[in-house]
Amino acid sequence: MNLNITQKNVYLLLPSKISWMANMLAEDNDISIVEAIKILYSSELYARLEEESTKVWHLGPVALYEIFQHNSTKK
């Protein structure tokens, strides 16, 4: 069994991380889960998550959410 994360399979890790982050974002900003998911999928962080070479996918949802918040406040 191949347990290596590659560019071809990194997408399998993303839905659960986005789900956790969407719940946090929705709660923190009093928005719907659907709106939170749209925001996350269009974020710079998601673009980095999609790229296996960044290794951002190693991080858990709380750490990812903190990065998302930090990047969102810089704009």
C-alpha atoms as a PDB file:
ATOM      1  CA  MET A   1       0.000   0.000   0.000  1.00  0.00           C
ATOM      2  CA  ASN A   2       1.336   3.436  -0.983  1.00  0.00           C
ATOM      3  CA  LEU A   3       1.002   5.831   1.975  1.00  0.00           C
ATOM      4  CA  ASN A   4       2.971   8.689   0.438  1.00  0.00           C
ATOM      5  CA  ILE A   5       1.258  12.020  -0.076  1.00  0.00           C
ATOM      6  CA  THR A   6       1.823  13.316  -3.593  1.00  0.00           C
ATOM      7  CA  GLN A   7       0.350  16.033  -5.768  1.00  0.00           C
ATOM      8  CA  LYS A   8      -1.974  13.382  -7.195  1.00  0.00           C
ATOM      9  CA  ASN A   9      -3.538  12.462  -3.843  1.00  0.00           C
ATOM     10  CA  VAL A  10      -3.155  15.502  -1.561  1.00  0.00           C
ATOM     11  CA  TYR A  11      -6.719  16.517  -2.442  1.00  0.00           C
ATOM     12  CA  LEU A  12      -7.967  13.591  -0.346  1.00  0.00           C
ATOM     13  CA  LEU A  13      -6.807  15.324   2.844  1.00  0.00           C
ATOM     14  CA  LEU A  14      -8.460  18.665   2.196  1.00  0.00           C
ATOM     15  CA  PRO A  15     -12.215  18.139   2.758  1.00  0.00           C
ATOM     16  CA  SER A  16     -11.890  17.251   6.444  1.00  0.00           C
ATOM     17  CA  LYS A  17      -9.538  20.162   7.117  1.00  0.00           C
ATOM     18  CA  ILE A  18     -11.834  22.587   5.283  1.00  0.00           C
ATOM     19  CA  SER A  19     -14.841  21.228   7.150  1.00  0.00           C
ATOM     20  CA  TRP A  20     -13.273  21.934  10.544  1.00  0.00           C
ATOM     21  CA  MET A  21     -12.067  25.350   9.427  1.00  0.00           C
ATOM     22  CA  ALA A  22     -15.458  26.248   7.942  1.00  0.00           C
ATOM     23  CA  ASN A  23     -17.156  25.510  11.243  1.00  0.00           C
ATOM     24  CA  MET A  24     -14.712  27.770  13.075  1.00  0.00           C
ATOM     25  CA  LEU A  25     -15.027  30.547  10.496  1.00  0.00           C
ATOM     26  CA  ALA A  26     -18.826  30.375  10.468  1.00  0.00           C
ATOM     27  CA  GLU A  27     -19.020  30.510  14.247  1.00  0.00           C
ATOM     28  CA  ASP A  28     -16.465  33.313  14.610  1.00  0.00           C
ATOM     29  CA  ASN A  29     -18.105  35.483  11.950  1.00  0.00           C
ATOM     30  CA  ASP A  30     -21.761  34.517  12.358  1.00  0.00           C
ATOM     31  CA  ILE A  31     -22.049  33.373   8.741  1.00  0.00           C
ATOM     32  CA  SER A  32     -23.393  30.213   7.155  1.00  0.00           C
ATOM     33  CA  ILE A  33     -21.264  27.138   6.657  1.00  0.00           C
ATOM     34  CA  VAL A  34     -21.774  27.489   2.897  1.00  0.00           C
ATOM     35  CA  GLU A  35     -20.443  31.051   2.944  1.00  0.00           C
ATOM     36  CA  ALA A  36     -17.495  29.969   5.104  1.00  0.00           C
ATOM     37  CA  ILE A  37     -16.649  27.165   2.689  1.00  0.00           C
ATOM     38  CA  LYS A  38     -16.780  29.580  -0.263  1.00  0.00           C
ATOM     39  CA  ILE A  39     -14.431  31.955   1.543  1.00  0.00           C
ATOM     40  CA  LEU A  40     -11.986  29.181   2.394  1.00  0.00           C
ATOM     41  CA  TYR A  41     -11.954  27.611  -1.056  1.00  0.00           C
ATOM     42  CA  SER A  42     -11.198  30.997  -2.621  1.00  0.00           C
ATOM     43  CA  SER A  43      -8.451  31.844  -0.113  1.00  0.00           C
ATOM     44  CA  GLU A  44      -4.712  32.031  -0.593  1.00  0.00           C
ATOM     45  CA  LEU A  45      -4.357  29.389   2.100  1.00  0.00           C
ATOM     46  CA  TYR A  46      -6.414  26.886   0.106  1.00  0.00           C
ATOM     47  CA  ALA A  47      -4.198  27.477  -2.924  1.00  0.00           C
ATOM     48  CA  ARG A  48      -1.217  26.624  -0.731  1.00  0.00           C
ATOM     49  CA  LEU A  49      -3.009  23.561   0.666  1.00  0.00           C
ATOM     50  CA  GLU A  50      -3.588  22.245  -2.850  1.00  0.00           C
ATOM     51  CA  GLU A  51       0.139  22.289  -3.546  1.00  0.00           C
ATOM     52  CA  GLU A  52       1.718  19.216  -1.982  1.00  0.00           C
ATOM     53  CA  SER A  53       5.170  20.797  -2.159  1.00  0.00           C
ATOM     54  CA  THR A  54       4.233  23.504   0.378  1.00  0.00           C
ATOM     55  CA  LYS A  55       3.665  20.811   3.032  1.00  0.00           C
ATOM     56  CA  VAL A  56       0.931  23.020   4.541  1.00  0.00           C
ATOM     57  CA  TRP A  57      -1.308  19.941   4.481  1.00  0.00           C
ATOM     58  CA  HIS A  58       0.759  18.623   7.422  1.00  0.00           C
ATOM     59  CA  LEU A  59      -0.884  21.161   9.709  1.00  0.00           C
ATOM     60  CA  GLY A  60      -4.050  20.513  11.647  1.00  0.00           C
ATOM     61  CA  PRO A  61      -7.236  22.528  11.170  1.00  0.00           C
ATOM     62  CA  VAL A  62      -6.632  24.821  14.171  1.00  0.00           C
ATOM     63  CA  ALA A  63      -3.160  25.807  12.970  1.00  0.00           C
ATOM     64  CA  LEU A  64      -4.487  26.262   9.434  1.00  0.00           C
ATOM     65  CA  TYR A  65      -7.322  28.444  10.718  1.00  0.00           C
ATOM     66  CA  GLU A  66      -4.849  30.610  12.612  1.00  0.00           C
ATOM     67  CA  ILE A  67      -2.824  31.057   9.424  1.00  0.00           C
ATOM     68  CA  PHE A  68      -6.015  31.903   7.533  1.00  0.00           C
ATOM     69  CA  GLN A  69      -6.973  34.515  10.138  1.00  0.00           C
ATOM     70  CA  HIS A  70      -3.488  36.016  10.119  1.00  0.00           C
ATOM     71  CA  ASN A  71      -3.488  36.264   6.314  1.00  0.00           C
ATOM     72  CA  SER A  72      -6.997  37.738   6.307  1.00  0.00           C
ATOM     73  CA  THR A  73      -6.100  40.504   8.756  1.00  0.00           C
ATOM     74  CA  LYS A  74      -3.023  41.542   6.763  1.00  0.00           C
ATOM     75  CA  LYS A  75      -5.139  42.655   3.806  1.00  0.00           C
END
